[in-house]
């Protein structure tokens, strides 16, 4: 006997499924295609779906399978009519906007504007149209790997994104849209302090760095902006600081406290750079115990005398007591400013995750030490130059032996225009 849908449509061929927990039926208005209907007691709604067949046996089979799936979903707490990922996203963004400038949980408008970007990739992975209740705790377990495959390698950024996704998810849990509070992510192991200290720029990164700072320190001609003379002077000083650190292996703290009186007047011409028509000089540097990390003085010859020469010609404060890397000879730049400058330089050469990669000012010291080892400087001599114990060099640096020997084999020699090979003796440009 035909039944009414309550919507002005007549049901034909009404059939119970699984003891009456669901039904299939035909509607003339739908071309006698079998339809499915099941009452969802937890959501107090009928679930309806076309089975896309006019054959009774197929309709019964599809209907039973669908009814069983829905019953499992209800028993596990999934909401068939629940909100989607996109709806949860919109709800969270609107909810957090209310926190701008409010109480202990205050956020700035600028911070709030970053939330969509932090949530975007996780929501795309889950699927914007996916029901929140259908998401499993481990669906984003490989989030870091998938973000890395997308070309994003910053650990801190990935951690921030994961944190924001879980903040959104917790709100969904509290509102009853999810049965669990947090998404599971594989634990990310942060680099230890020692591992970060070992980080060193590649040859290509170093080349980009000194090239960038050389152009960065020059007044742009024909452009729309002008840099103040003091800023130009500071940038030129930074450029030479990089060259000095990469050639001497000094610690950044030692270089910042280096005074003109710590340099010997003795400079030795060691070669003529035929390609660039420039002389290369050795300079004798004395590092007083007071400014060293180990509180042990040391003195050594190093390449780069020409860098100090041009520093001295540009600066006004060049008495023995004046600081070399300073704008007034009395004080160095603050830690904050050194950090800000390094960040600007890293971004200038296309490295936006330098902290996660362990690249800092200290990395230039490491670069110098590894290059000196690769070029054949004995560990004993090297320990005297850089102020590090032989045992420490063996422990920290010689684990790069294979990589360094391979690099040395490829990079120590260059091919000339006539096809011959000549040894590369300088790090500079």
Protein backbone atom coordinates (compact mmCIF):
# COMPACT_ATOMS: atom_id res chain seq x y z
CA UNK A 1 0.00 0.00 0.00
CA UNK A 2 1.40 3.41 -0.93
CA UNK A 3 2.56 5.72 1.87
CA UNK A 4 2.88 9.50 2.06
CA UNK A 5 6.25 11.18 2.60
CA UNK A 6 4.72 14.15 4.33
CA UNK A 7 6.10 16.30 1.52
CA UNK A 8 3.28 15.69 -0.98
CA UNK A 9 5.01 12.69 -2.56
CA UNK A 10 3.69 9.11 -2.66
CA UNK A 11 5.88 6.18 -1.66
CA UNK A 12 5.62 3.03 -3.79
CA UNK A 13 7.05 -0.44 -3.09
CA UNK A 14 7.88 0.33 0.53
CA UNK A 15 10.43 -2.19 1.97
CA UNK A 16 11.85 -2.59 5.49
CA UNK A 17 15.60 -3.16 5.93
CA UNK A 18 17.34 -4.97 8.83
CA UNK A 19 14.19 -5.44 10.84
CA UNK A 20 12.82 -2.01 10.17
CA UNK A 21 15.74 0.24 11.23
CA UNK A 22 15.72 1.64 7.69
CA UNK A 23 13.53 1.56 4.58
CA UNK A 24 13.73 1.75 0.83
CA UNK A 25 10.98 3.09 -1.36
CA UNK A 26 10.14 4.47 -4.79
CA UNK A 27 8.76 7.88 -5.64
CA UNK A 28 6.99 8.37 -8.98
CA UNK A 29 8.27 11.94 -9.09
CA UNK A 30 11.85 10.51 -9.06
CA UNK A 31 11.25 8.13 -11.94
CA UNK A 32 10.77 5.06 -9.73
CA UNK A 33 14.43 5.17 -8.60
CA UNK A 34 14.78 3.49 -5.19
CA UNK A 35 15.36 5.85 -2.26
CA UNK A 36 16.79 5.18 1.19
CA UNK A 37 15.53 6.56 4.51
CA UNK A 38 16.72 5.98 8.09
CA UNK A 39 15.89 7.68 11.37
CA UNK A 40 18.99 8.95 13.26
CA UNK A 41 17.90 8.92 16.87
CA UNK A 42 21.00 10.78 18.19
CA UNK A 43 20.42 13.68 15.81
CA UNK A 44 16.59 13.26 15.62
CA UNK A 45 16.53 13.54 11.84
CA UNK A 46 15.76 11.30 8.88
CA UNK A 47 18.71 10.52 6.63
CA UNK A 48 17.65 10.25 2.99
CA UNK A 49 19.67 9.23 -0.05
CA UNK A 50 19.01 8.09 -3.60
CA UNK A 51 20.26 4.53 -4.27
CA UNK A 52 20.48 5.28 -8.03
CA UNK A 53 18.87 2.06 -9.19
CA UNK A 54 15.40 0.84 -10.27
CA UNK A 55 16.26 -2.81 -9.53
CA UNK A 56 14.87 -4.06 -6.19
CA UNK A 57 17.68 -6.54 -5.42
CA UNK A 58 20.35 -3.88 -5.95
CA UNK A 59 18.40 -1.40 -3.85
CA UNK A 60 18.08 -3.90 -0.97
CA UNK A 61 21.81 -4.69 -1.06
CA UNK A 62 22.87 -1.01 -1.17
CA UNK A 63 20.31 -0.09 1.49
CA UNK A 64 21.47 -2.76 3.95
CA UNK A 65 25.11 -1.75 3.50
CA UNK A 66 24.30 1.94 4.03
CA UNK A 67 22.13 1.19 7.08
CA UNK A 68 24.95 -0.81 8.71
CA UNK A 69 27.48 1.98 8.02
CA UNK A 70 25.18 4.59 9.51
CA UNK A 71 24.54 2.46 12.60
CA UNK A 72 28.31 2.10 13.18
CA UNK A 73 28.75 5.87 12.72
CA UNK A 74 26.04 6.57 15.30
CA UNK A 75 27.54 4.10 17.78
CA UNK A 76 30.95 5.78 17.45
CA UNK A 77 29.50 9.25 17.97
CA UNK A 78 29.78 10.56 14.40
CA UNK A 79 27.31 13.24 13.46
CA UNK A 80 25.93 12.62 9.99
CA UNK A 81 24.43 16.09 9.89
CA UNK A 82 27.37 17.67 11.76
CA UNK A 83 29.38 20.66 10.56
CA UNK A 84 32.15 20.48 7.96
CA UNK A 85 35.81 21.40 8.36
CA UNK A 86 35.13 24.65 6.53
CA UNK A 87 32.26 25.49 8.91
CA UNK A 88 34.45 24.74 11.93
CA UNK A 89 37.20 26.93 10.42
CA UNK A 90 34.80 29.87 9.97
CA UNK A 91 33.39 29.35 13.46
CA UNK A 92 36.87 29.34 15.03
CA UNK A 93 38.10 32.45 13.20
CA UNK A 94 34.96 34.37 14.20
CA UNK A 95 35.25 33.15 17.79
CA UNK A 96 38.92 34.17 18.13
CA UNK A 97 38.21 37.60 16.70
CA UNK A 98 36.31 38.27 19.94
CA UNK A 99 39.58 37.70 21.87
CA UNK A 100 41.41 40.61 20.24
CA UNK A 101 42.60 42.84 23.08
CA UNK A 102 40.57 40.96 25.69
CA UNK A 103 41.90 39.74 29.06
CA UNK A 104 44.56 37.09 29.62
CA UNK A 105 43.85 35.39 26.32
CA UNK A 106 44.42 38.59 24.38
CA UNK A 107 45.65 38.50 20.83
CA UNK A 108 46.48 41.33 18.50
CA UNK A 109 44.63 41.96 15.29
CA UNK A 110 47.84 41.20 13.42
CA UNK A 111 48.15 37.82 15.14
CA UNK A 112 44.51 37.01 14.45
CA UNK A 113 45.03 37.67 10.73
CA UNK A 114 47.70 34.93 10.65
CA UNK A 115 45.28 32.22 11.88
CA UNK A 116 43.70 31.43 8.46
CA UNK A 117 47.14 30.87 6.93
CA UNK A 118 48.20 28.60 9.83
CA UNK A 119 45.02 26.53 9.50
CA UNK A 120 44.84 26.44 5.71
CA UNK A 121 47.08 23.47 4.96
CA UNK A 122 45.68 21.20 7.66
CA UNK A 123 42.11 21.94 6.57
CA UNK A 124 43.03 21.19 2.96
CA UNK A 125 44.55 17.86 4.00
CA UNK A 126 41.41 16.89 5.91
CA UNK A 127 39.14 18.20 3.15
CA UNK A 128 37.11 21.38 3.49
CA UNK A 129 33.82 19.51 2.92
CA UNK A 130 34.64 16.62 5.27
CA UNK A 131 32.36 16.29 8.29
CA UNK A 132 34.22 17.06 11.52
CA UNK A 133 32.75 13.96 13.14
CA UNK A 134 34.24 11.78 10.40
CA UNK A 135 37.83 12.87 11.12
CA UNK A 136 40.01 10.41 13.05
CA UNK A 137 42.65 11.44 15.59
CA UNK A 138 45.55 10.25 13.43
CA UNK A 139 44.42 11.73 10.10
CA UNK A 140 47.15 14.41 10.28
CA UNK A 141 49.80 12.29 11.97
CA UNK A 142 52.15 12.78 8.99
CA UNK A 143 51.50 16.54 8.81
CA UNK A 144 55.18 17.52 8.99
CA UNK A 145 56.15 15.13 6.21
CA UNK A 146 53.36 16.39 3.94
CA UNK A 147 54.23 20.04 4.63
CA UNK A 148 57.90 19.30 3.93
CA UNK A 149 56.94 17.70 0.61
CA UNK A 150 55.14 20.95 -0.18
CA UNK A 151 58.50 22.70 0.19
CA UNK A 152 58.10 24.02 3.74
CA UNK A 153 60.95 23.01 6.07
CA UNK A 154 60.67 25.41 9.01
CA UNK A 155 60.12 23.26 12.10
CA UNK A 156 58.91 26.21 14.15
CA UNK A 157 56.35 27.21 11.55
CA UNK A 158 55.04 23.64 11.31
CA UNK A 159 54.78 23.46 15.10
CA UNK A 160 52.85 26.75 15.12
CA UNK A 161 50.44 25.42 12.48
CA UNK A 162 49.89 22.19 14.42
CA UNK A 163 49.23 24.15 17.60
CA UNK A 164 46.64 26.33 15.86
CA UNK A 165 44.91 23.30 14.32
CA UNK A 166 44.57 21.73 17.76
CA UNK A 167 43.23 24.99 19.21
CA UNK A 168 40.51 24.93 16.54
CA UNK A 169 39.86 21.26 17.18
CA UNK A 170 39.53 21.74 20.94
CA UNK A 171 36.85 24.36 20.34
CA UNK A 172 35.01 21.88 18.10
CA UNK A 173 35.26 19.26 20.85
CA UNK A 174 33.84 21.61 23.49
CA UNK A 175 30.92 22.44 21.18
CA UNK A 176 30.18 18.75 20.65
CA UNK A 177 31.26 18.49 17.01
CA UNK A 178 34.06 16.01 17.72
CA UNK A 179 34.45 13.10 20.12
CA UNK A 180 38.14 13.76 20.82
CA UNK A 181 39.96 16.86 22.01
CA UNK A 182 43.22 16.88 20.03
CA UNK A 183 44.61 15.74 16.70
CA UNK A 184 47.65 13.46 16.89
CA UNK A 185 50.89 14.67 15.28
CA UNK A 186 54.18 12.80 15.12
CA UNK A 187 56.56 14.27 17.66
CA UNK A 188 59.09 16.67 16.14
CA UNK A 189 62.56 16.45 17.61
CA UNK A 190 64.12 19.88 17.92
CA UNK A 191 67.80 20.34 17.26
CA UNK A 192 69.95 20.36 20.34
CA UNK A 193 72.11 23.37 21.07
CA UNK A 194 75.18 21.37 20.04
CA UNK A 195 73.62 20.33 16.74
CA UNK A 196 72.73 23.93 15.96
CA UNK A 197 76.28 25.04 16.75
CA UNK A 198 77.59 22.55 14.19
CA UNK A 199 75.49 23.99 11.37
CA UNK A 200 77.48 25.60 8.60
CA UNK A 201 76.52 27.36 5.39
CA UNK A 202 77.12 25.54 2.15
CA UNK A 203 79.61 27.01 -0.29
CA UNK A 204 76.71 28.31 -2.37
CA UNK A 205 74.99 29.87 0.68
CA UNK A 206 78.22 31.58 1.69
CA UNK A 207 78.74 32.89 -1.85
CA UNK A 208 75.21 34.28 -1.87
CA UNK A 209 75.80 35.85 1.56
CA UNK A 210 78.93 37.82 0.72
CA UNK A 211 77.52 38.76 -2.70
CA UNK A 212 74.28 39.97 -1.15
CA UNK A 213 76.01 42.01 1.58
CA UNK A 214 78.38 43.55 -0.94
CA UNK A 215 75.43 44.83 -3.01
CA UNK A 216 73.41 45.53 0.14
CA UNK A 217 76.12 47.84 1.38
CA UNK A 218 76.23 49.99 -1.76
CA UNK A 219 74.09 53.02 -2.49
CA UNK A 220 71.49 52.04 -5.05
CA UNK A 221 71.84 54.13 -8.16
CA UNK A 222 68.86 55.13 -10.22
CA UNK A 223 66.45 53.70 -7.66
CA UNK A 224 63.59 55.24 -5.78
CA UNK A 225 65.18 55.07 -2.33
CA UNK A 226 68.27 56.48 -0.66
CA UNK A 227 70.11 54.97 2.31
CA UNK A 228 71.58 57.32 4.89
CA UNK A 229 75.40 57.49 4.99
CA UNK A 230 75.55 56.01 8.52
CA UNK A 231 73.45 53.05 7.40
CA UNK A 232 75.71 52.51 4.39
CA UNK A 233 78.74 52.58 6.68
CA UNK A 234 77.14 50.03 8.98
CA UNK A 235 76.28 47.72 6.08
CA UNK A 236 79.83 47.94 4.75
CA UNK A 237 81.09 47.06 8.22
CA UNK A 238 78.77 44.03 8.35
CA UNK A 239 80.02 42.86 4.95
CA UNK A 240 83.62 42.96 6.16
CA UNK A 241 82.65 41.34 9.47
CA UNK A 242 81.33 38.33 7.52
CA UNK A 243 84.55 38.05 5.52
CA UNK A 244 86.69 38.32 8.65
CA UNK A 245 84.70 35.66 10.54
CA UNK A 246 84.72 33.26 7.56
CA UNK A 247 88.51 33.62 7.16
CA UNK A 248 89.70 33.76 10.78
CA UNK A 249 87.35 31.41 12.61
CA UNK A 250 86.96 33.94 15.42
CA UNK A 251 83.90 33.75 17.63
CA UNK A 252 81.36 36.50 16.99
CA UNK A 253 81.78 37.66 20.60
CA UNK A 254 85.55 38.00 20.11
CA UNK A 255 85.16 39.96 16.86
CA UNK A 256 82.66 42.35 18.48
CA UNK A 257 85.21 43.20 21.21
CA UNK A 258 88.24 43.39 18.90
CA UNK A 259 90.09 46.73 19.02
CA UNK A 260 92.49 48.30 16.56
CA UNK A 261 95.28 47.87 19.10
CA UNK A 262 94.83 44.09 18.88
CA UNK A 263 96.10 44.14 15.28
CA UNK A 264 99.77 44.22 14.44
CA UNK A 265 101.02 46.85 12.02
CA UNK A 266 102.88 44.05 10.33
CA UNK A 267 101.16 42.98 7.13
CA UNK A 268 102.70 40.51 4.73
CA UNK A 269 101.94 40.36 1.02
CA UNK A 270 101.44 36.69 0.26
CA UNK A 271 100.21 36.69 -3.32
CA UNK A 272 98.90 38.66 -6.22
CA UNK A 273 95.38 37.78 -7.31
CA UNK A 274 95.87 37.87 -11.06
CA UNK A 275 92.23 37.41 -11.85
CA UNK A 276 91.09 40.39 -9.79
CA UNK A 277 94.37 42.29 -9.71
CA UNK A 278 94.22 42.48 -5.93
CA UNK A 279 96.84 41.81 -3.29
CA UNK A 280 96.16 39.42 -0.43
CA UNK A 281 97.67 40.24 2.94
CA UNK A 282 98.19 38.36 6.15
CA UNK A 283 97.48 40.22 9.34
CA UNK A 284 98.63 39.34 12.87
CA UNK A 285 95.83 39.36 15.45
CA UNK A 286 96.15 39.18 19.22
CA UNK A 287 93.05 38.04 21.12
CA UNK A 288 93.37 39.04 24.82
CA UNK A 289 92.27 36.53 27.43
CA UNK A 290 89.60 38.93 28.69
CA UNK A 291 87.53 38.71 25.50
CA UNK A 292 87.89 34.98 24.81
CA UNK A 293 85.42 32.29 25.79
CA UNK A 294 88.18 30.15 27.30
CA UNK A 295 89.91 33.11 29.03
CA UNK A 296 93.15 32.12 27.29
CA UNK A 297 94.90 34.62 25.03
CA UNK A 298 96.05 33.66 21.58
CA UNK A 299 97.80 35.28 18.61
CA UNK A 300 97.84 34.20 14.98
CA UNK A 301 98.37 35.22 11.37
CA UNK A 302 95.35 35.14 9.10
CA UNK A 303 94.36 36.13 5.58
CA UNK A 304 92.17 39.18 5.31
CA UNK A 305 94.48 42.06 6.09
CA UNK A 306 92.89 43.96 3.20
CA UNK A 307 89.48 43.77 4.90
CA UNK A 308 90.84 45.56 7.96
CA UNK A 309 92.59 48.10 5.73
CA UNK A 310 89.38 49.20 4.05
CA UNK A 311 87.55 49.19 7.39
CA UNK A 312 90.15 51.58 8.77
CA UNK A 313 89.96 53.88 5.74
CA UNK A 314 86.18 54.23 6.09
CA UNK A 315 85.99 54.76 9.84
CA UNK A 316 86.73 57.85 11.90
CA UNK A 317 87.50 56.06 15.16
CA UNK A 318 90.71 54.11 14.60
CA UNK A 319 92.81 54.64 17.74
CA UNK A 320 94.19 51.54 19.42
CA UNK A 321 91.43 51.65 22.07
CA UNK A 322 88.58 51.96 19.59
CA UNK A 323 86.41 48.93 18.74
CA UNK A 324 86.81 47.81 15.13
CA UNK A 325 83.24 46.67 14.51
CA UNK A 326 81.51 49.72 15.93
CA UNK A 327 79.90 52.88 14.66
CA UNK A 328 81.51 55.13 17.26
CA UNK A 329 84.48 53.08 18.44
CA UNK A 330 83.02 52.83 21.96
CA UNK A 331 80.20 50.31 21.82
CA UNK A 332 79.19 47.49 19.56
CA UNK A 333 75.72 46.86 18.21
CA UNK A 334 73.28 45.26 20.66
CA UNK A 335 72.54 41.53 20.67
CA UNK A 336 69.07 42.31 19.40
CA UNK A 337 70.43 44.32 16.48
CA UNK A 338 72.97 41.65 15.56
CA UNK A 339 70.14 39.12 15.57
CA UNK A 340 67.89 41.35 13.48
CA UNK A 341 70.66 41.94 10.94
CA UNK A 342 71.35 38.22 10.60
CA UNK A 343 67.65 37.53 10.03
CA UNK A 344 67.57 40.21 7.32
CA UNK A 345 70.65 38.74 5.64
CA UNK A 346 69.29 35.18 5.72
CA UNK A 347 65.98 36.27 4.22
CA UNK A 348 67.92 38.32 1.69
CA UNK A 349 69.50 35.14 0.34
CA UNK A 350 66.26 33.18 0.46
CA UNK A 351 66.65 31.33 3.80
CA UNK A 352 63.52 31.90 5.88
CA UNK A 353 64.05 29.11 8.41
CA UNK A 354 67.62 29.89 9.46
CA UNK A 355 66.89 29.30 13.14
CA UNK A 356 65.53 25.82 12.53
CA UNK A 357 68.50 25.08 10.28
CA UNK A 358 70.87 26.24 13.03
CA UNK A 359 72.41 28.98 10.88
CA UNK A 360 73.64 31.84 13.09
CA UNK A 361 76.58 34.21 13.25
CA UNK A 362 78.46 31.33 14.92
CA UNK A 363 78.05 29.32 11.70
CA UNK A 364 80.68 31.49 10.00
CA UNK A 365 83.23 30.31 12.59
CA UNK A 366 82.26 26.75 11.86
CA UNK A 367 82.54 27.46 8.12
CA UNK A 368 86.10 28.76 8.61
CA UNK A 369 87.16 25.79 10.73
CA UNK A 370 85.80 23.15 8.36
CA UNK A 371 87.42 24.89 5.39
CA UNK A 372 90.79 25.04 7.17
CA UNK A 373 90.55 21.32 8.03
CA UNK A 374 89.63 20.49 4.44
CA UNK A 375 92.60 22.53 3.15
CA UNK A 376 95.04 20.54 5.25
CA UNK A 377 95.68 22.76 8.29
CA UNK A 378 96.84 20.53 11.15
CA UNK A 379 94.52 20.16 14.11
CA UNK A 380 97.24 21.37 16.46
CA UNK A 381 97.79 24.57 14.46
CA UNK A 382 94.07 25.04 14.04
CA UNK A 383 93.44 24.78 17.79
CA UNK A 384 95.89 27.65 18.35
CA UNK A 385 94.25 29.81 15.69
CA UNK A 386 90.62 29.40 16.73
CA UNK A 387 91.09 28.88 20.49
CA UNK A 388 89.54 25.41 20.69
CA UNK A 389 91.12 22.33 22.25
CA UNK A 390 92.39 19.61 19.90
CA UNK A 391 90.01 17.11 21.53
CA UNK A 392 87.05 19.41 20.86
CA UNK A 393 87.96 19.81 17.19
CA UNK A 394 88.22 16.03 16.84
CA UNK A 395 84.89 15.52 18.59
CA UNK A 396 82.85 18.29 16.98
CA UNK A 397 84.36 18.78 13.54
CA UNK A 398 85.97 15.64 12.30
CA UNK A 399 82.62 13.84 12.04
CA UNK A 400 82.33 15.84 8.81
CA UNK A 401 85.40 14.10 7.43
CA UNK A 402 83.72 12.33 4.50
CA UNK A 403 81.67 15.33 3.45
CA UNK A 404 84.62 17.67 3.79
CA UNK A 405 86.97 15.43 1.84
CA UNK A 406 84.40 15.13 -0.92
CA UNK A 407 83.88 18.91 -0.94
CA UNK A 408 87.62 19.52 -0.92
CA UNK A 409 88.07 17.21 -3.89
CA UNK A 410 85.48 19.14 -5.87
CA UNK A 411 85.99 22.69 -4.64
CA UNK A 412 89.70 23.06 -3.90
CA UNK A 413 90.52 23.36 -7.59
CA UNK A 414 88.98 25.43 -10.33
CA UNK A 415 89.23 25.11 -14.12
CA UNK A 416 90.84 28.04 -15.92
CA UNK A 417 89.89 29.38 -19.35
CA UNK A 418 92.68 27.39 -20.97
CA UNK A 419 91.42 24.15 -19.43
CA UNK A 420 94.07 23.86 -16.75
CA UNK A 421 93.32 23.49 -13.04
CA UNK A 422 94.54 25.82 -10.33
CA UNK A 423 94.11 25.63 -6.56
CA UNK A 424 91.58 27.94 -4.94
CA UNK A 425 93.42 29.65 -2.11
CA UNK A 426 90.88 32.22 -0.92
CA UNK A 427 87.35 32.23 0.38
CA UNK A 428 86.74 35.70 -0.95
CA UNK A 429 85.10 36.96 -3.81
